[in-house]
Amino acid sequence: MTNTDDMLPFFADMPKLELLYLRGNPGTRKITSYRKSFITALPSLCYFDEKPVTELERMFAEAYIRGGKEEEIRVRDEYAEGQREAKRKYMESMR
């Protein structure tokens, strides 16, 4: 693989890829939003570069790829508000 532009599509053609370790590969330095890009392109990826891929991380990465940092912040805020609301409802039900 000589062109870093080919790296992401190369791995994206592996639909069952669950574990990928590219840390230290010089070609990854040229990929914008490296971790987010790979997590979004590889939906079956469970473990990437020494860290597990959580569903929450995947949700935020997809938001970022879809609409940039602003979209990721919006989705993070929406998630946090949902968590606060769920906690409030739980506390209410315990009274």
N, C-alpha and C. Protein backbone atom coordinates (compact mmCIF):
# COMPACT_ATOMS: atom_id res chain seq x y z
N MET A 1 0.86 -1.16 0.00
CA MET A 1 0.00 0.00 0.00
C MET A 1 0.91 1.23 0.00
N THR A 2 0.91 1.97 -1.07
CA THR A 2 1.82 3.10 -1.18
C THR A 2 1.15 4.44 -0.93
N ASN A 3 -0.11 4.56 -1.15
CA ASN A 3 -0.81 5.83 -1.01
C ASN A 3 -1.69 5.78 0.24
N THR A 4 -1.53 6.79 1.12
CA THR A 4 -2.32 6.79 2.36
C THR A 4 -3.80 6.97 2.07
N ASP A 5 -4.15 7.55 0.91
CA ASP A 5 -5.56 7.70 0.55
C ASP A 5 -6.22 6.34 0.32
N ASP A 6 -5.42 5.32 0.05
CA ASP A 6 -5.94 3.98 -0.18
C ASP A 6 -6.13 3.19 1.11
N MET A 7 -5.58 3.67 2.21
CA MET A 7 -5.58 2.91 3.45
C MET A 7 -7.00 2.67 3.99
N LEU A 8 -7.78 3.71 4.15
CA LEU A 8 -9.12 3.55 4.71
C LEU A 8 -10.03 2.70 3.82
N PRO A 9 -10.09 2.97 2.51
CA PRO A 9 -10.92 2.10 1.66
C PRO A 9 -10.46 0.64 1.65
N PHE A 10 -9.17 0.42 1.77
CA PHE A 10 -8.63 -0.94 1.80
C PHE A 10 -9.25 -1.72 2.97
N PHE A 11 -9.23 -1.11 4.16
CA PHE A 11 -9.78 -1.79 5.33
C PHE A 11 -11.30 -1.80 5.33
N ALA A 12 -11.91 -0.77 4.74
CA ALA A 12 -13.38 -0.70 4.68
C ALA A 12 -13.95 -1.84 3.85
N ASP A 13 -13.16 -2.43 2.98
CA ASP A 13 -13.60 -3.57 2.17
C ASP A 13 -13.59 -4.88 2.96
N MET A 14 -13.29 -4.80 4.25
CA MET A 14 -13.27 -5.98 5.12
C MET A 14 -14.42 -5.86 6.12
N PRO A 15 -15.62 -6.23 5.74
CA PRO A 15 -16.81 -5.97 6.56
C PRO A 15 -16.83 -6.68 7.92
N LYS A 16 -16.04 -7.71 8.09
CA LYS A 16 -16.06 -8.44 9.37
C LYS A 16 -14.84 -8.13 10.25
N LEU A 17 -14.08 -7.13 9.87
CA LEU A 17 -12.88 -6.76 10.63
C LEU A 17 -13.29 -6.24 12.00
N GLU A 18 -12.80 -6.88 13.05
CA GLU A 18 -13.17 -6.51 14.41
C GLU A 18 -12.01 -5.89 15.19
N LEU A 19 -10.78 -6.19 14.82
CA LEU A 19 -9.62 -5.70 15.54
C LEU A 19 -8.62 -5.16 14.54
N LEU A 20 -8.12 -3.96 14.81
CA LEU A 20 -7.15 -3.36 13.90
C LEU A 20 -6.14 -2.57 14.72
N TYR A 21 -4.86 -2.77 14.43
CA TYR A 21 -3.80 -2.07 15.13
C TYR A 21 -2.91 -1.41 14.09
N LEU A 22 -2.99 -0.09 14.01
CA LEU A 22 -2.17 0.66 13.07
C LEU A 22 -1.29 1.69 13.76
N ARG A 23 -1.31 1.69 15.08
CA ARG A 23 -0.54 2.68 15.84
C ARG A 23 0.92 2.67 15.41
N GLY A 24 1.44 3.85 15.15
CA GLY A 24 2.83 3.98 14.73
C GLY A 24 3.02 3.90 13.23
N ASN A 25 2.00 3.54 12.49
CA ASN A 25 2.10 3.48 11.04
C ASN A 25 2.17 4.92 10.51
N PRO A 26 3.24 5.29 9.81
CA PRO A 26 3.39 6.67 9.37
C PRO A 26 2.28 7.14 8.43
N GLY A 27 1.65 6.24 7.73
CA GLY A 27 0.57 6.63 6.81
C GLY A 27 -0.66 7.16 7.51
N THR A 28 -0.84 6.80 8.76
CA THR A 28 -2.04 7.24 9.47
C THR A 28 -1.98 8.71 9.86
N ARG A 29 -0.79 9.29 9.91
CA ARG A 29 -0.65 10.70 10.29
C ARG A 29 -1.32 11.63 9.30
N LYS A 30 -1.49 11.19 8.08
CA LYS A 30 -2.07 12.03 7.04
C LYS A 30 -3.58 11.87 6.92
N ILE A 31 -4.16 11.01 7.73
CA ILE A 31 -5.61 10.79 7.67
C ILE A 31 -6.28 11.71 8.67
N THR A 32 -7.15 12.58 8.17
CA THR A 32 -7.87 13.52 9.01
C THR A 32 -8.79 12.77 9.96
N SER A 33 -8.78 13.17 11.21
CA SER A 33 -9.63 12.54 12.23
C SER A 33 -9.50 11.02 12.16
N TYR A 34 -8.27 10.59 12.23
CA TYR A 34 -7.87 9.19 12.03
C TYR A 34 -8.78 8.18 12.74
N ARG A 35 -8.89 8.26 14.06
CA ARG A 35 -9.67 7.27 14.81
C ARG A 35 -11.14 7.34 14.44
N LYS A 36 -11.69 8.53 14.38
CA LYS A 36 -13.10 8.69 14.04
C LYS A 36 -13.40 8.17 12.65
N SER A 37 -12.50 8.44 11.72
CA SER A 37 -12.70 7.98 10.33
C SER A 37 -12.73 6.46 10.24
N PHE A 38 -11.81 5.80 10.93
CA PHE A 38 -11.77 4.34 10.89
C PHE A 38 -12.97 3.72 11.60
N ILE A 39 -13.33 4.28 12.75
CA ILE A 39 -14.47 3.74 13.50
C ILE A 39 -15.74 3.84 12.68
N THR A 40 -15.91 4.94 11.98
CA THR A 40 -17.11 5.13 11.16
C THR A 40 -17.11 4.23 9.93
N ALA A 41 -15.96 4.07 9.31
CA ALA A 41 -15.86 3.28 8.09
C ALA A 41 -15.93 1.77 8.34
N LEU A 42 -15.63 1.36 9.57
CA LEU A 42 -15.58 -0.07 9.89
C LEU A 42 -16.59 -0.38 11.00
N PRO A 43 -17.85 -0.61 10.65
CA PRO A 43 -18.90 -0.79 11.66
C PRO A 43 -18.73 -2.01 12.56
N SER A 44 -17.97 -3.00 12.14
CA SER A 44 -17.79 -4.19 12.98
C SER A 44 -16.55 -4.08 13.88
N LEU A 45 -15.81 -2.97 13.76
CA LEU A 45 -14.60 -2.79 14.55
C LEU A 45 -14.93 -2.69 16.04
N CYS A 46 -14.34 -3.57 16.81
CA CYS A 46 -14.57 -3.60 18.27
C CYS A 46 -13.37 -3.10 19.06
N TYR A 47 -12.21 -3.20 18.47
CA TYR A 47 -10.98 -2.84 19.16
C TYR A 47 -10.07 -2.18 18.15
N PHE A 48 -9.58 -0.97 18.47
CA PHE A 48 -8.76 -0.22 17.53
C PHE A 48 -7.61 0.46 18.26
N ASP A 49 -6.41 0.14 17.86
CA ASP A 49 -5.20 0.75 18.43
C ASP A 49 -5.21 0.80 19.96
N GLU A 50 -5.16 -0.32 20.57
CA GLU A 50 -5.02 -0.46 22.01
C GLU A 50 -6.25 -0.08 22.84
N LYS A 51 -7.35 0.30 22.19
CA LYS A 51 -8.54 0.69 22.95
C LYS A 51 -9.79 0.08 22.34
N PRO A 52 -10.73 -0.31 23.20
CA PRO A 52 -11.99 -0.80 22.67
C PRO A 52 -12.78 0.34 22.04
N VAL A 53 -13.63 -0.01 21.09
CA VAL A 53 -14.52 0.95 20.46
C VAL A 53 -15.89 0.78 21.11
N THR A 54 -16.35 1.78 21.81
CA THR A 54 -17.66 1.70 22.47
C THR A 54 -18.74 2.21 21.52
N GLU A 55 -19.97 1.83 21.81
CA GLU A 55 -21.09 2.31 21.00
C GLU A 55 -21.22 3.83 21.11
N LEU A 56 -20.93 4.34 22.28
CA LEU A 56 -21.00 5.78 22.49
C LEU A 56 -19.93 6.50 21.65
N GLU A 57 -18.72 5.97 21.65
CA GLU A 57 -17.67 6.56 20.82
C GLU A 57 -18.05 6.50 19.35
N ARG A 58 -18.64 5.37 18.94
CA ARG A 58 -19.07 5.23 17.54
C ARG A 58 -20.14 6.27 17.20
N MET A 59 -21.09 6.48 18.11
CA MET A 59 -22.15 7.45 17.87
C MET A 59 -21.56 8.86 17.70
N PHE A 60 -20.61 9.23 18.55
CA PHE A 60 -19.98 10.55 18.46
C PHE A 60 -19.11 10.68 17.21
N ALA A 61 -18.41 9.61 16.85
CA ALA A 61 -17.57 9.63 15.64
C ALA A 61 -18.43 9.79 14.39
N GLU A 62 -19.55 9.09 14.35
CA GLU A 62 -20.45 9.21 13.20
C GLU A 62 -21.00 10.63 13.09
N ALA A 63 -21.32 11.23 14.22
CA ALA A 63 -21.81 12.61 14.22
C ALA A 63 -20.73 13.55 13.68
N TYR A 64 -19.49 13.34 14.11
CA TYR A 64 -18.38 14.17 13.66
C TYR A 64 -18.18 14.05 12.15
N ILE A 65 -18.16 12.84 11.65
CA ILE A 65 -17.96 12.62 10.21
C ILE A 65 -19.13 13.21 9.42
N ARG A 66 -20.31 13.11 9.97
CA ARG A 66 -21.51 13.63 9.31
C ARG A 66 -21.52 15.15 9.24
N GLY A 67 -21.14 15.82 10.34
CA GLY A 67 -21.30 17.27 10.37
C GLY A 67 -20.23 18.05 11.10
N GLY A 68 -19.07 17.45 11.30
CA GLY A 68 -17.97 18.16 11.93
C GLY A 68 -18.11 18.27 13.44
N LYS A 69 -17.25 19.09 14.01
CA LYS A 69 -17.20 19.24 15.46
C LYS A 69 -18.53 19.75 16.02
N GLU A 70 -19.19 20.64 15.30
CA GLU A 70 -20.47 21.18 15.77
C GLU A 70 -21.52 20.09 15.93
N GLU A 71 -21.58 19.18 14.97
CA GLU A 71 -22.54 18.08 15.04
C GLU A 71 -22.19 17.13 16.17
N GLU A 72 -20.90 16.87 16.37
CA GLU A 72 -20.49 16.00 17.47
C GLU A 72 -20.89 16.63 18.81
N ILE A 73 -20.67 17.91 18.96
CA ILE A 73 -21.05 18.61 20.20
C ILE A 73 -22.56 18.55 20.40
N ARG A 74 -23.32 18.76 19.33
CA ARG A 74 -24.78 18.69 19.43
C ARG A 74 -25.23 17.31 19.90
N VAL A 75 -24.66 16.25 19.32
CA VAL A 75 -25.02 14.89 19.68
C VAL A 75 -24.58 14.57 21.12
N ARG A 76 -23.42 15.04 21.52
CA ARG A 76 -22.95 14.85 22.89
C ARG A 76 -23.90 15.53 23.88
N ASP A 77 -24.29 16.77 23.56
CA ASP A 77 -25.21 17.50 24.43
C ASP A 77 -26.57 16.80 24.51
N GLU A 78 -27.05 16.33 23.37
CA GLU A 78 -28.32 15.61 23.32
C GLU A 78 -28.25 14.33 24.16
N TYR A 79 -27.15 13.62 24.06
CA TYR A 79 -26.96 12.40 24.84
C TYR A 79 -26.94 12.72 26.34
N ALA A 80 -26.19 13.76 26.71
CA ALA A 80 -26.09 14.15 28.12
C ALA A 80 -27.46 14.56 28.66
N GLU A 81 -28.22 15.27 27.86
CA GLU A 81 -29.56 15.68 28.29
C GLU A 81 -30.45 14.45 28.47
N GLY A 82 -30.35 13.49 27.60
CA GLY A 82 -31.10 12.24 27.74
C GLY A 82 -30.73 11.49 29.00
N GLN A 83 -29.45 11.49 29.32
CA GLN A 83 -28.98 10.84 30.55
C GLN A 83 -29.53 11.55 31.79
N ARG A 84 -29.49 12.89 31.76
CA ARG A 84 -30.03 13.65 32.90
C ARG A 84 -31.52 13.40 33.06
N GLU A 85 -32.24 13.35 31.95
CA GLU A 85 -33.68 13.12 31.99
C GLU A 85 -33.99 11.73 32.53
N ALA A 86 -33.23 10.73 32.10
CA ALA A 86 -33.44 9.37 32.59
C ALA A 86 -33.17 9.30 34.09
N LYS A 87 -32.14 9.98 34.53
CA LYS A 87 -31.81 10.00 35.97
C LYS A 87 -32.92 10.70 36.75
N ARG A 88 -33.42 11.80 36.21
CA ARG A 88 -34.50 12.53 36.87
C ARG A 88 -35.74 11.66 37.00
N LYS A 89 -36.10 10.95 35.93
CA LYS A 89 -37.27 10.07 35.96
C LYS A 89 -37.07 8.94 36.96
N TYR A 90 -35.87 8.41 37.01
CA TYR A 90 -35.58 7.34 37.95
C TYR A 90 -35.73 7.84 39.39
N MET A 91 -35.16 9.01 39.66
CA MET A 91 -35.25 9.57 41.00
C MET A 91 -36.71 9.87 41.38
N GLU A 92 -37.48 10.32 40.40
CA GLU A 92 -38.89 10.58 40.62
C GLU A 92 -39.64 9.30 40.95
N SER A 93 -39.32 8.24 40.26
CA SER A 93 -40.02 6.96 40.50
C SER A 93 -39.65 6.35 41.85
N MET A 94 -38.52 6.74 42.39
CA MET A 94 -38.08 6.21 43.69
C MET A 94 -38.76 6.92 44.87
N ARG A 95 -39.36 8.06 44.58
CA ARG A 95 -40.02 8.82 45.68
C ARG A 95 -41.31 8.20 46.09
